[in-house]
Protein backbone atom coordinates (compact mmCIF):
# COMPACT_ATOMS: atom_id res chain seq x y z
CA MET A 1 122.88 25.32 -166.07
CA LEU A 2 119.50 26.32 -167.52
CA THR A 3 118.56 22.66 -167.75
CA THR A 4 119.38 22.17 -164.08
CA ILE A 5 117.32 25.21 -163.10
CA ALA A 6 114.39 23.97 -165.17
CA VAL A 7 114.53 20.54 -163.54
CA LEU A 8 114.67 22.05 -160.05
CA ALA A 9 111.79 24.37 -160.87
CA ALA A 10 109.72 21.46 -162.12
CA ILE A 11 110.09 19.39 -158.94
CA PRO A 12 107.50 21.33 -156.89
CA LEU A 13 105.06 21.17 -159.80
CA LEU A 14 105.53 17.43 -160.05
CA LEU A 15 104.91 17.06 -156.31
CA VAL A 16 101.78 19.19 -156.54
CA GLY A 17 100.51 17.09 -159.44
CA ALA A 18 101.24 13.85 -157.61
CA LEU A 19 99.46 15.07 -154.47
CA TRP A 20 96.42 16.18 -156.44
CA ALA A 21 96.14 13.07 -158.57
CA GLY A 22 97.17 10.48 -156.01
CA GLN A 23 95.72 11.66 -152.72
CA GLU A 24 93.07 8.92 -152.60
CA ARG A 25 95.84 6.32 -152.83
CA MET A 26 97.70 8.10 -150.03
CA ILE A 27 94.71 8.45 -147.70
CA PHE A 28 92.81 5.21 -148.29
CA LEU A 29 94.71 1.92 -148.13
CA PRO A 30 91.96 -0.71 -148.15
CA ASP A 31 92.23 -4.43 -147.71
CA THR A 32 89.58 -5.36 -150.26
CA ARG A 33 89.24 -9.01 -149.24
CA ALA A 34 85.74 -9.84 -148.04
CA ILE A 35 85.44 -9.79 -144.27
CA ALA A 36 84.40 -12.95 -142.44
CA ALA A 37 82.92 -13.32 -138.98
CA PRO A 38 85.17 -15.06 -136.43
CA PRO A 39 83.56 -17.11 -133.63
CA GLY A 40 81.40 -14.86 -131.47
CA TRP A 41 80.74 -12.43 -134.31
CA THR A 42 78.10 -12.11 -137.00
CA ARG A 43 78.42 -10.60 -140.45
CA GLU A 44 75.62 -8.12 -141.11
CA THR A 45 74.73 -5.83 -143.99
CA LEU A 46 73.05 -2.45 -144.27
CA ARG A 47 71.92 -0.32 -147.18
CA THR A 48 73.51 3.11 -147.46
CA GLU A 49 71.81 6.38 -148.37
CA ASP A 50 72.98 5.96 -151.97
CA GLY A 51 71.94 2.34 -152.29
CA LEU A 52 75.08 0.30 -151.56
CA ASN A 53 74.97 -2.85 -149.45
CA LEU A 54 77.83 -2.74 -146.95
CA ALA A 55 78.94 -5.72 -144.87
CA PHE A 56 80.24 -5.24 -141.32
CA LEU A 57 80.80 -7.21 -138.11
CA VAL A 58 78.77 -7.31 -134.91
CA ALA A 59 79.27 -8.82 -131.46
CA GLU A 60 75.96 -8.93 -129.63
CA ALA A 61 75.39 -7.42 -126.20
CA PRO A 62 73.03 -8.42 -123.40
CA PRO A 63 69.80 -6.40 -123.43
CA GLY A 64 70.46 -2.84 -122.28
CA ALA A 65 74.26 -3.23 -122.25
CA PRO A 66 76.23 -0.35 -123.78
CA VAL A 67 77.32 -0.66 -127.40
CA LEU A 68 80.46 0.65 -129.09
CA LEU A 69 80.32 1.66 -132.76
CA HIS A 70 83.90 1.43 -134.03
CA PHE A 71 85.43 3.09 -137.10
CA HIS A 72 88.85 1.76 -138.08
CA GLY A 73 91.84 3.49 -139.64
CA ASN A 74 92.75 3.94 -143.29
CA GLY A 75 94.46 0.56 -143.69
CA GLY A 76 93.27 -3.03 -143.49
CA ASN A 77 89.62 -3.81 -142.83
CA ALA A 78 87.15 -4.36 -140.02
CA GLU A 79 88.07 -8.01 -139.53
CA ASP A 80 91.55 -6.90 -138.44
CA ARG A 81 89.92 -5.14 -135.46
CA THR A 82 88.06 -8.14 -134.05
CA GLY A 83 90.88 -8.63 -131.53
CA LEU A 84 90.16 -5.23 -130.02
CA GLY A 85 86.44 -5.81 -130.40
CA SER A 86 86.62 -9.13 -128.57
CA LEU A 87 88.37 -7.45 -125.63
CA LEU A 88 85.54 -4.93 -125.49
CA ARG A 89 82.94 -7.69 -125.79
CA ARG A 90 84.47 -9.60 -122.86
CA ALA A 91 84.28 -6.37 -120.86
CA GLY A 92 80.51 -6.40 -121.32
CA TYR A 93 80.00 -4.25 -124.41
CA GLY A 94 78.26 -4.92 -127.64
CA VAL A 95 80.49 -4.00 -130.56
CA VAL A 96 79.71 -2.90 -134.11
CA LEU A 97 82.78 -2.83 -136.36
CA ALA A 98 81.76 -0.55 -139.21
CA GLU A 99 83.28 -1.30 -142.60
CA TYR A 100 83.84 1.36 -145.22
CA ARG A 101 82.81 1.25 -148.85
CA GLY A 102 85.70 -0.09 -150.91
CA TYR A 103 87.03 -2.04 -147.91
CA GLY A 104 86.44 -5.60 -146.79
CA GLY A 105 84.81 -6.70 -150.03
CA ASN A 106 82.30 -3.84 -149.97
CA PRO A 107 81.30 -2.04 -153.18
CA GLY A 108 81.99 1.60 -153.89
CA ARG A 109 84.97 3.90 -153.52
CA PRO A 110 85.97 5.50 -150.23
CA GLY A 111 85.87 9.26 -149.85
CA GLU A 112 85.30 11.70 -147.02
CA GLU A 113 81.70 12.62 -147.81
CA ALA A 114 80.68 9.07 -148.74
CA ILE A 115 82.13 7.67 -145.52
CA ALA A 116 80.37 10.37 -143.50
CA ARG A 117 77.05 9.34 -145.03
CA ASP A 118 77.79 5.69 -144.34
CA ALA A 119 78.67 6.50 -140.72
CA ARG A 120 75.19 7.98 -140.24
CA SER A 121 73.73 4.76 -141.63
CA TYR A 122 75.79 2.70 -139.20
CA LEU A 123 74.63 4.80 -136.25
CA ALA A 124 70.99 4.48 -137.30
CA TRP A 125 71.39 0.71 -137.70
CA THR A 126 73.09 0.38 -134.30
CA ARG A 127 70.39 2.36 -132.53
CA ALA A 128 67.66 0.29 -134.16
CA ARG A 129 69.35 -3.05 -133.44
CA PHE A 130 70.26 -2.18 -129.84
CA ALA A 131 67.26 -0.05 -128.93
CA GLY A 132 67.50 1.20 -125.37
CA SER A 133 71.27 0.66 -125.13
CA PRO A 134 73.69 3.56 -124.69
CA VAL A 135 75.83 3.98 -127.82
CA ALA A 136 79.43 5.23 -127.67
CA LEU A 137 81.73 5.86 -130.64
CA TRP A 138 85.32 4.69 -131.02
CA GLY A 139 87.46 6.02 -133.84
CA GLU A 140 90.94 4.82 -134.71
CA SER A 141 93.30 7.10 -136.67
CA LEU A 142 91.34 8.03 -139.82
CA GLY A 143 88.31 6.59 -138.07
CA SER A 144 88.76 9.18 -135.33
CA ALA A 145 87.84 11.84 -137.89
CA VAL A 146 84.82 9.78 -138.99
CA ALA A 147 83.64 9.33 -135.40
CA THR A 148 84.24 12.99 -134.52
CA ARG A 149 82.20 14.20 -137.47
CA LEU A 150 79.42 11.76 -136.62
CA ALA A 151 79.34 12.90 -132.98
CA GLU A 152 79.21 16.61 -133.85
CA ASN A 153 75.79 18.05 -132.98
CA GLN A 154 74.52 14.48 -132.49
CA ALA A 155 72.29 13.97 -129.46
CA GLY A 156 72.47 10.79 -127.42
CA ILE A 157 76.13 9.81 -127.90
CA ALA A 158 77.28 8.37 -124.58
CA ALA A 159 81.02 8.88 -125.12
CA LEU A 160 83.67 9.30 -127.80
CA VAL A 161 87.02 7.48 -127.76
CA LEU A 162 89.64 8.80 -130.18
CA GLU A 163 92.60 6.48 -130.69
CA SER A 164 95.72 7.92 -132.37
CA PRO A 165 93.78 10.90 -133.78
CA PHE A 166 94.88 13.79 -135.96
CA THR A 167 93.49 17.32 -136.02
CA SER A 168 92.94 17.33 -139.80
CA VAL A 169 94.43 15.86 -142.95
CA ALA A 170 95.49 19.39 -143.90
CA ASP A 171 97.54 19.69 -140.70
CA MET A 172 99.12 16.30 -141.37
CA ALA A 173 99.93 17.26 -144.96
CA ARG A 174 101.52 20.55 -143.90
CA GLY A 175 103.82 18.62 -141.59
CA ILE A 176 104.91 16.32 -144.42
CA TYR A 177 104.94 18.82 -147.31
CA PRO A 178 105.55 22.21 -145.65
CA VAL A 179 106.38 24.03 -148.90
CA LEU A 180 103.37 22.85 -150.90
CA PRO A 181 99.94 24.55 -151.00
CA THR A 182 98.25 21.54 -149.46
CA ASP A 183 95.22 23.53 -148.27
CA TRP A 184 94.27 24.14 -151.90
CA LEU A 185 94.94 20.62 -153.08
CA LEU A 186 93.09 18.42 -150.62
CA ARG A 187 89.74 16.94 -151.60
CA HIS A 188 89.44 14.92 -148.39
CA ARG A 189 90.15 17.16 -145.42
CA PHE A 190 88.77 15.18 -142.47
CA GLU A 191 88.63 18.18 -140.16
CA SER A 192 88.34 17.06 -136.53
CA LEU A 193 89.67 19.74 -134.21
CA SER A 194 87.20 22.34 -135.45
CA ARG A 195 84.27 19.96 -134.84
CA LEU A 196 84.94 19.27 -131.17
CA HIS A 197 83.07 22.34 -129.95
CA GLY A 198 79.87 20.74 -131.24
CA ILE A 199 80.29 17.53 -129.22
CA ALA A 200 78.60 17.37 -125.81
CA ALA A 201 79.70 13.81 -125.03
CA PRO A 202 82.83 13.20 -122.95
CA VAL A 203 85.89 12.59 -125.13
CA LEU A 204 88.89 10.38 -124.37
CA VAL A 205 92.03 10.72 -126.50
CA VAL A 206 94.52 7.84 -126.37
CA ALA A 207 97.82 8.11 -128.24
CA SER A 208 101.49 7.16 -128.17
CA GLU A 209 104.16 9.65 -127.17
CA GLN A 210 106.33 8.69 -130.15
CA ASP A 211 103.57 7.70 -132.56
CA ARG A 212 105.35 6.80 -135.79
CA ILE A 213 102.55 8.12 -138.00
CA THR A 214 100.58 10.86 -136.22
CA PRO A 215 102.61 13.35 -134.14
CA ALA A 216 101.60 13.32 -130.48
CA GLU A 217 100.86 17.03 -130.65
CA HIS A 218 97.73 16.23 -132.64
CA ALA A 219 96.38 14.14 -129.75
CA ARG A 220 97.15 16.86 -127.23
CA ARG A 221 95.38 19.50 -129.30
CA MET A 222 92.36 17.24 -129.72
CA ALA A 223 92.07 16.65 -125.98
CA GLU A 224 92.46 20.36 -125.26
CA GLY A 225 89.88 21.26 -127.89
CA ALA A 226 87.15 19.02 -126.49
CA ARG A 227 84.51 20.54 -124.24
CA ASN A 228 84.88 17.58 -121.87
CA GLY A 229 88.16 15.96 -122.86
CA ALA A 230 90.66 13.61 -121.24
CA LEU A 231 94.07 12.56 -122.54
CA VAL A 232 96.06 9.37 -122.01
CA MET A 233 99.54 9.34 -123.53
CA LEU A 234 101.34 6.00 -123.58
CA PRO A 235 105.05 5.38 -124.03
CA GLY A 236 106.27 4.00 -127.34
CA GLU A 237 105.42 4.51 -130.99
CA ALA A 238 102.42 2.20 -131.48
CA HIS A 239 99.85 3.22 -134.08
CA PRO A 240 97.03 2.51 -133.55
CA THR A 241 97.73 2.77 -129.86
CA VAL A 242 95.32 0.56 -127.94
CA LEU A 243 95.41 -2.50 -130.17
CA ASN A 244 99.23 -2.55 -130.17
CA ASP A 245 99.76 -1.58 -126.52
CA ALA A 246 101.35 -4.65 -124.92
CA SER A 247 101.04 -3.20 -121.40
CA GLY A 248 97.25 -3.06 -121.61
CA GLU A 249 97.29 0.44 -120.12
CA GLY A 250 95.45 1.92 -123.08
CA MET A 251 92.60 -0.58 -122.85
CA ARG A 252 92.34 -0.12 -119.08
CA ALA A 253 92.15 3.65 -119.54
CA ALA A 254 89.47 3.29 -122.21
CA LEU A 255 87.36 0.93 -120.10
CA ASP A 256 87.69 3.13 -117.01
CA PHE A 257 86.55 6.10 -119.10
CA LEU A 258 83.60 4.25 -120.61
CA ARG A 259 82.39 3.02 -117.21
CA ARG A 260 82.10 6.51 -115.73
């Protein structure tokens, strides 16, 4: 009996230890293969604030055309998003598919603060390369938190598209591990909802009603929390939403929003 009680008592401690030690492996799921540029794309590099050379993908735009700086989710790499990027390019946009450190053959290890610094470098590069072009941000899943943080208190962002977003990693963790002290354990919090008040740009949230990864309530709260927010909820469980939306409704909604 005492042995059983001891085992049961140890289970929460084991879960806490696993969450503390393994959270990077839970949050970041990189495809580390080097990205390559498909036809119509170029592979570029930039130097980060801490001296890393990061490769990423670019589809050029006509002079003065708007440009979308895209941050992908926690899995795969930027090359996986060239399908979405090509749709945006055919719609008349230049596209920069940012790649994270530790992903796509890039050096370094991903982390919230490091990725935030890299996002600033990508924005500076995009503005220099496409001088005079409006720049909008597009964030997918984890990338929605990256894009939201980048847009906060940032002048000159034309628009912000959040695809399958979450309010924060802490909120997600509480939903999965309601009995654990996740607020104390998380090193990478990716707070988004609390940052929206500092974003002047219009915000579009696109998500699936039965998203299999991020509960739809997160998307609704993000749209409600934006100063100038719009929400498009699509049927189904696709995650990320737009890239996997066979109806094309998500892409149409995003393009309509960006053209306003």
